Structure formats: C-alpha cells, structure tokens
N, C-alpha and C. Protein backbone atom coordinates (compact mmCIF):
# COMPACT_ATOMS: atom_id res chain seq x y z
N MET A 1 11.44 23.47 -25.94
CA MET A 1 12.22 24.68 -26.07
C MET A 1 11.55 25.80 -25.27
N PHE A 2 12.33 26.67 -24.75
CA PHE A 2 11.82 27.81 -24.02
C PHE A 2 11.83 29.01 -24.93
N GLY A 3 10.78 29.79 -24.87
CA GLY A 3 10.69 31.01 -25.66
C GLY A 3 10.92 32.21 -24.76
N PRO A 4 10.86 33.39 -25.34
CA PRO A 4 11.14 34.59 -24.56
C PRO A 4 10.11 34.86 -23.46
N PHE A 5 8.91 34.28 -23.58
CA PHE A 5 7.86 34.56 -22.60
C PHE A 5 7.56 33.36 -21.71
N SER A 6 8.47 32.39 -21.68
CA SER A 6 8.26 31.18 -20.90
C SER A 6 8.11 31.46 -19.41
N VAL A 7 8.73 32.52 -18.94
CA VAL A 7 8.65 32.86 -17.52
C VAL A 7 7.22 33.16 -17.11
N TRP A 8 6.45 33.80 -18.01
CA TRP A 8 5.09 34.19 -17.67
C TRP A 8 4.06 33.13 -18.00
N SER A 9 4.42 32.17 -18.82
CA SER A 9 3.45 31.13 -19.16
C SER A 9 4.15 29.77 -19.20
N PRO A 10 4.52 29.26 -18.02
CA PRO A 10 5.20 27.97 -18.01
C PRO A 10 4.28 26.86 -18.50
N GLU A 11 4.86 25.85 -19.06
CA GLU A 11 4.10 24.71 -19.55
C GLU A 11 4.46 23.50 -18.70
N PHE A 12 3.45 22.91 -18.08
CA PHE A 12 3.67 21.74 -17.25
C PHE A 12 3.10 20.53 -17.97
N ARG A 13 3.87 19.46 -18.02
CA ARG A 13 3.39 18.23 -18.64
C ARG A 13 3.69 17.08 -17.70
N PHE A 14 2.68 16.25 -17.53
CA PHE A 14 2.83 15.06 -16.72
C PHE A 14 2.97 13.87 -17.66
N PRO A 15 3.46 12.75 -17.18
CA PRO A 15 3.61 11.58 -18.06
C PRO A 15 2.31 11.24 -18.77
N LEU A 16 2.42 10.96 -20.06
CA LEU A 16 1.30 10.59 -20.91
C LEU A 16 0.21 11.65 -20.97
N SER A 17 0.57 12.92 -20.81
CA SER A 17 -0.44 13.97 -20.82
C SER A 17 -0.33 14.90 -22.01
N GLY A 18 0.50 14.58 -22.97
CA GLY A 18 0.63 15.47 -24.12
C GLY A 18 1.72 15.01 -25.05
N ASN A 19 2.35 15.95 -25.66
CA ASN A 19 3.40 15.69 -26.63
C ASN A 19 4.50 14.85 -25.98
N VAL A 20 4.82 13.72 -26.60
CA VAL A 20 5.84 12.86 -26.04
C VAL A 20 7.13 12.87 -26.86
N GLN A 21 7.22 13.81 -27.78
CA GLN A 21 8.45 13.94 -28.55
C GLN A 21 9.41 14.82 -27.78
N GLN A 22 10.65 14.49 -27.87
CA GLN A 22 11.68 15.27 -27.18
C GLN A 22 12.66 15.77 -28.22
N GLU A 23 12.89 17.05 -28.21
CA GLU A 23 13.85 17.62 -29.13
C GLU A 23 15.24 17.54 -28.49
N ILE A 24 16.14 16.86 -29.17
CA ILE A 24 17.49 16.70 -28.65
C ILE A 24 18.44 17.32 -29.66
N GLU A 25 19.16 18.32 -29.23
CA GLU A 25 20.10 18.98 -30.12
C GLU A 25 21.51 18.76 -29.58
N PRO A 26 22.45 18.45 -30.50
CA PRO A 26 23.83 18.31 -30.03
C PRO A 26 24.31 19.61 -29.40
N THR A 27 25.06 19.49 -28.33
CA THR A 27 25.57 20.68 -27.65
C THR A 27 26.86 21.15 -28.31
N ILE A 28 27.23 22.36 -28.00
CA ILE A 28 28.47 22.92 -28.54
C ILE A 28 29.64 22.05 -28.08
N GLY A 29 30.55 21.76 -28.98
CA GLY A 29 31.70 20.96 -28.63
C GLY A 29 31.55 19.49 -28.99
N THR A 30 30.33 19.06 -29.36
CA THR A 30 30.16 17.68 -29.77
C THR A 30 30.35 17.58 -31.28
N ARG A 31 30.67 16.40 -31.71
CA ARG A 31 30.83 16.19 -33.14
C ARG A 31 29.47 16.10 -33.80
N GLY A 32 29.45 16.35 -35.08
CA GLY A 32 28.20 16.26 -35.81
C GLY A 32 27.72 17.64 -36.22
N ILE A 33 26.83 17.62 -37.17
CA ILE A 33 26.25 18.86 -37.68
C ILE A 33 24.78 18.87 -37.29
N PRO A 34 24.37 19.83 -36.45
CA PRO A 34 22.99 19.83 -35.94
C PRO A 34 21.92 19.72 -37.03
N ALA A 35 22.12 20.37 -38.16
CA ALA A 35 21.11 20.31 -39.23
C ALA A 35 20.97 18.88 -39.75
N ILE A 36 22.09 18.18 -39.88
CA ILE A 36 22.04 16.79 -40.35
C ILE A 36 21.40 15.90 -39.30
N GLU A 37 21.80 16.08 -38.04
CA GLU A 37 21.23 15.29 -36.95
C GLU A 37 19.71 15.46 -36.89
N ALA A 38 19.25 16.69 -37.00
CA ALA A 38 17.81 16.96 -36.94
C ALA A 38 17.08 16.30 -38.11
N ARG A 39 17.68 16.39 -39.28
CA ARG A 39 17.04 15.81 -40.46
C ARG A 39 16.99 14.28 -40.38
N VAL A 40 18.07 13.67 -39.91
CA VAL A 40 18.08 12.21 -39.74
C VAL A 40 16.99 11.80 -38.76
N GLN A 41 16.89 12.51 -37.66
CA GLN A 41 15.88 12.17 -36.66
C GLN A 41 14.47 12.36 -37.21
N ARG A 42 14.27 13.41 -37.99
CA ARG A 42 12.96 13.71 -38.54
C ARG A 42 12.58 12.80 -39.70
N GLU A 43 13.53 12.49 -40.59
CA GLU A 43 13.20 11.80 -41.83
C GLU A 43 13.57 10.32 -41.85
N VAL A 44 14.52 9.90 -41.02
CA VAL A 44 15.00 8.52 -41.09
C VAL A 44 14.52 7.73 -39.88
N ALA A 45 14.99 8.09 -38.70
CA ALA A 45 14.61 7.35 -37.50
C ALA A 45 14.93 8.17 -36.26
N SER A 46 14.07 8.06 -35.26
CA SER A 46 14.31 8.74 -33.99
C SER A 46 15.53 8.13 -33.31
N TYR A 47 16.04 8.83 -32.30
CA TYR A 47 17.17 8.29 -31.55
C TYR A 47 16.80 6.96 -30.90
N GLY A 48 15.57 6.85 -30.44
CA GLY A 48 15.12 5.60 -29.83
C GLY A 48 15.13 4.44 -30.82
N THR A 49 14.67 4.70 -32.04
CA THR A 49 14.68 3.66 -33.06
C THR A 49 16.11 3.28 -33.43
N GLN A 50 16.96 4.28 -33.57
CA GLN A 50 18.36 4.00 -33.89
C GLN A 50 19.01 3.17 -32.79
N LEU A 51 18.79 3.57 -31.54
CA LEU A 51 19.36 2.85 -30.41
C LEU A 51 18.79 1.44 -30.33
N GLY A 52 17.50 1.30 -30.62
CA GLY A 52 16.87 -0.02 -30.60
C GLY A 52 17.52 -0.97 -31.58
N LYS A 53 17.86 -0.46 -32.77
CA LYS A 53 18.54 -1.30 -33.77
C LYS A 53 19.92 -1.73 -33.28
N VAL A 54 20.63 -0.82 -32.65
CA VAL A 54 21.95 -1.15 -32.11
C VAL A 54 21.82 -2.21 -31.02
N LEU A 55 20.83 -2.06 -30.13
CA LEU A 55 20.62 -3.04 -29.07
C LEU A 55 20.24 -4.40 -29.64
N GLU A 56 19.39 -4.42 -30.68
CA GLU A 56 19.04 -5.68 -31.34
C GLU A 56 20.28 -6.35 -31.92
N ALA A 57 21.14 -5.56 -32.56
CA ALA A 57 22.36 -6.11 -33.15
C ALA A 57 23.28 -6.67 -32.07
N LEU A 58 23.40 -5.96 -30.96
CA LEU A 58 24.24 -6.46 -29.87
C LEU A 58 23.67 -7.76 -29.29
N GLN A 59 22.37 -7.82 -29.17
CA GLN A 59 21.75 -9.02 -28.62
C GLN A 59 21.94 -10.20 -29.59
N ALA A 60 21.82 -9.97 -30.88
CA ALA A 60 22.04 -11.03 -31.87
C ALA A 60 23.49 -11.48 -31.86
N LEU A 61 24.40 -10.52 -31.77
CA LEU A 61 25.82 -10.84 -31.71
C LEU A 61 26.15 -11.63 -30.45
N SER A 62 25.53 -11.26 -29.36
CA SER A 62 25.72 -11.96 -28.10
C SER A 62 25.27 -13.42 -28.23
N ALA A 63 24.10 -13.61 -28.83
CA ALA A 63 23.59 -14.97 -29.00
C ALA A 63 24.47 -15.78 -29.94
N GLU A 64 24.95 -15.15 -30.99
CA GLU A 64 25.78 -15.85 -31.98
C GLU A 64 27.14 -16.24 -31.42
N THR A 65 27.73 -15.39 -30.59
CA THR A 65 29.07 -15.65 -30.08
C THR A 65 29.09 -16.33 -28.72
N GLY A 66 27.93 -16.36 -28.06
CA GLY A 66 27.87 -16.96 -26.73
C GLY A 66 28.41 -16.07 -25.63
N VAL A 67 28.62 -14.79 -25.93
CA VAL A 67 29.11 -13.84 -24.94
C VAL A 67 27.90 -13.19 -24.27
N ASP A 68 27.80 -13.35 -22.96
CA ASP A 68 26.68 -12.75 -22.22
C ASP A 68 26.87 -11.24 -22.11
N LEU A 69 25.77 -10.52 -22.32
CA LEU A 69 25.76 -9.06 -22.15
C LEU A 69 24.59 -8.71 -21.22
N PRO A 70 24.72 -8.97 -19.92
CA PRO A 70 23.59 -8.77 -19.01
C PRO A 70 23.09 -7.34 -18.95
N GLU A 71 23.98 -6.36 -19.09
CA GLU A 71 23.55 -4.96 -19.05
C GLU A 71 22.66 -4.64 -20.26
N ILE A 72 23.02 -5.16 -21.41
CA ILE A 72 22.23 -4.93 -22.62
C ILE A 72 20.89 -5.64 -22.48
N ASP A 73 20.90 -6.89 -21.99
CA ASP A 73 19.65 -7.62 -21.78
C ASP A 73 18.74 -6.89 -20.81
N ALA A 74 19.31 -6.33 -19.73
CA ALA A 74 18.51 -5.59 -18.75
C ALA A 74 17.94 -4.32 -19.37
N LEU A 75 18.73 -3.64 -20.19
CA LEU A 75 18.27 -2.42 -20.85
C LEU A 75 17.11 -2.73 -21.79
N ILE A 76 17.25 -3.78 -22.58
CA ILE A 76 16.18 -4.18 -23.50
C ILE A 76 14.92 -4.56 -22.72
N ALA A 77 15.08 -5.32 -21.64
CA ALA A 77 13.93 -5.71 -20.82
C ALA A 77 13.25 -4.49 -20.22
N GLY A 78 14.03 -3.51 -19.78
CA GLY A 78 13.45 -2.29 -19.23
C GLY A 78 12.65 -1.51 -20.25
N VAL A 79 13.19 -1.41 -21.47
CA VAL A 79 12.47 -0.70 -22.55
C VAL A 79 11.18 -1.43 -22.87
N GLU A 80 11.25 -2.75 -22.97
CA GLU A 80 10.04 -3.53 -23.28
C GLU A 80 9.00 -3.39 -22.16
N GLY A 81 9.46 -3.32 -20.92
CA GLY A 81 8.54 -3.13 -19.80
C GLY A 81 7.80 -1.80 -19.89
N VAL A 82 8.52 -0.75 -20.23
CA VAL A 82 7.90 0.57 -20.38
C VAL A 82 6.90 0.55 -21.54
N LYS A 83 7.28 -0.08 -22.64
CA LYS A 83 6.36 -0.16 -23.79
C LYS A 83 5.08 -0.89 -23.42
N THR A 84 5.21 -1.97 -22.66
CA THR A 84 4.04 -2.74 -22.23
C THR A 84 3.14 -1.89 -21.35
N GLU A 85 3.73 -1.18 -20.39
CA GLU A 85 2.95 -0.31 -19.50
C GLU A 85 2.23 0.77 -20.31
N CYS A 86 2.92 1.35 -21.27
CA CYS A 86 2.31 2.41 -22.08
C CYS A 86 1.17 1.88 -22.93
N LYS A 87 1.31 0.67 -23.45
CA LYS A 87 0.24 0.07 -24.23
C LYS A 87 -1.01 -0.10 -23.37
N GLU A 88 -0.81 -0.54 -22.14
CA GLU A 88 -1.94 -0.74 -21.24
C GLU A 88 -2.64 0.58 -20.95
N VAL A 89 -1.88 1.63 -20.72
CA VAL A 89 -2.46 2.94 -20.45
C VAL A 89 -3.20 3.45 -21.69
N LEU A 90 -2.60 3.28 -22.86
CA LEU A 90 -3.26 3.71 -24.10
C LEU A 90 -4.56 2.95 -24.33
N ARG A 91 -4.54 1.66 -24.05
CA ARG A 91 -5.77 0.87 -24.20
C ARG A 91 -6.85 1.35 -23.24
N ASP A 92 -6.46 1.66 -22.01
CA ASP A 92 -7.43 2.17 -21.05
C ASP A 92 -8.03 3.49 -21.52
N HIS A 93 -7.17 4.38 -22.05
CA HIS A 93 -7.67 5.67 -22.56
C HIS A 93 -8.59 5.45 -23.77
N ALA A 94 -8.21 4.53 -24.64
CA ALA A 94 -9.03 4.24 -25.83
C ALA A 94 -10.38 3.67 -25.42
N ALA A 95 -10.38 2.76 -24.46
CA ALA A 95 -11.63 2.16 -24.00
C ALA A 95 -12.55 3.23 -23.40
N GLU A 96 -11.97 4.13 -22.64
CA GLU A 96 -12.77 5.22 -22.05
C GLU A 96 -13.31 6.15 -23.14
N ALA A 97 -12.48 6.46 -24.12
CA ALA A 97 -12.92 7.32 -25.23
C ALA A 97 -14.05 6.64 -26.02
N LEU A 98 -13.93 5.35 -26.25
CA LEU A 98 -14.99 4.62 -26.97
C LEU A 98 -16.28 4.60 -26.16
N ARG A 99 -16.13 4.43 -24.85
CA ARG A 99 -17.33 4.43 -24.00
C ARG A 99 -18.06 5.77 -24.09
N LYS A 100 -17.29 6.86 -24.05
CA LYS A 100 -17.89 8.20 -24.15
C LYS A 100 -18.49 8.43 -25.53
N LEU A 101 -17.80 7.97 -26.58
CA LEU A 101 -18.31 8.12 -27.94
C LEU A 101 -19.63 7.37 -28.09
N LYS A 102 -19.70 6.18 -27.54
CA LYS A 102 -20.92 5.38 -27.62
C LYS A 102 -22.09 6.11 -26.98
N GLU A 103 -21.83 6.83 -25.89
CA GLU A 103 -22.88 7.58 -25.20
C GLU A 103 -23.41 8.73 -26.05
N VAL A 104 -22.52 9.42 -26.77
CA VAL A 104 -22.93 10.63 -27.47
C VAL A 104 -23.09 10.46 -28.98
N ASP A 105 -22.49 9.42 -29.57
CA ASP A 105 -22.55 9.23 -31.02
C ASP A 105 -22.53 7.75 -31.35
N GLN A 106 -23.70 7.12 -31.21
CA GLN A 106 -23.81 5.67 -31.43
C GLN A 106 -23.34 5.30 -32.84
N GLU A 107 -23.71 6.07 -33.84
CA GLU A 107 -23.33 5.78 -35.23
C GLU A 107 -21.81 5.83 -35.42
N GLY A 108 -21.19 6.87 -34.88
CA GLY A 108 -19.73 6.99 -34.97
C GLY A 108 -19.03 5.86 -34.24
N TYR A 109 -19.59 5.49 -33.10
CA TYR A 109 -19.03 4.38 -32.32
C TYR A 109 -19.07 3.09 -33.14
N LEU A 110 -20.23 2.81 -33.74
CA LEU A 110 -20.38 1.57 -34.53
C LEU A 110 -19.44 1.56 -35.73
N GLU A 111 -19.22 2.71 -36.35
CA GLU A 111 -18.28 2.78 -37.47
C GLU A 111 -16.88 2.40 -37.03
N LEU A 112 -16.48 2.88 -35.85
CA LEU A 112 -15.13 2.60 -35.35
C LEU A 112 -14.94 1.16 -34.91
N VAL A 113 -15.89 0.61 -34.19
CA VAL A 113 -15.71 -0.74 -33.66
C VAL A 113 -15.93 -1.81 -34.71
N ASN A 114 -16.56 -1.49 -35.82
CA ASN A 114 -16.80 -2.48 -36.88
C ASN A 114 -15.75 -2.43 -37.97
N VAL A 115 -14.70 -1.61 -37.79
CA VAL A 115 -13.63 -1.54 -38.78
C VAL A 115 -12.73 -2.74 -38.59
N PRO A 116 -12.52 -3.54 -39.66
CA PRO A 116 -11.62 -4.69 -39.51
C PRO A 116 -10.18 -4.24 -39.28
N ALA A 117 -9.47 -4.95 -38.42
CA ALA A 117 -8.09 -4.58 -38.09
C ALA A 117 -7.11 -5.03 -39.15
C-alpha cells in the first residue's frame, strides 16, 4: 500500500528480499465484500492456497474422467517449479546463516543443528 509520504520514501523490494505477502483487495465493481475477503484470506487460507485446492480438484477430476487438462497440468508444474527454486534459495540462505552463526556463536549453532527434525 502507498501512504501519503510514499513519494519521498519509496520502498524497493527485489525477489526474496523481504515481505512476500501481497495484499489483494477487490476493486470497485467486483462482487464480494472486502471485509469478508480480507478475513477469509487472513484466517482461513491465502488466495494461493485456495487456488491450489481448486487446481488439485481439477487434476483429480481430470484423472478420474480421463479428460486431459494440459493448461492446468502446466500451471501446476510451473507453481511446483517456483516452489522448488525458492526452497533451494532458502536452503542456501539458511546454510550461510548457520555458517555465520557457527563463527560467532558456537553454542547457539550447536543448539540449532542438534535439534531433531
């Protein structure tokens, strides 16, 4: 969201460099009640989770009926590809953070790496 002073203090964010939540508000003229939409997203499931469930249902229905849905399959594959890339980046960041922690706080490092998963 932009505030009244955004012109003087712009905020720049690069991929994977900060807050990755996106606030999506229905625009004027669309159906739905913004307060309900916001609460569902906050308390029940994000739009991505909701969409993921719909895609899973379509894929299951496709398999059950034998009707090919290549666009849905491609969309699911694309999402999974992004998730895999993000996991790799997160692991790299975690490994670097652990390396730095080990250098400055051996005890804290040992506590973290000895925690059973």
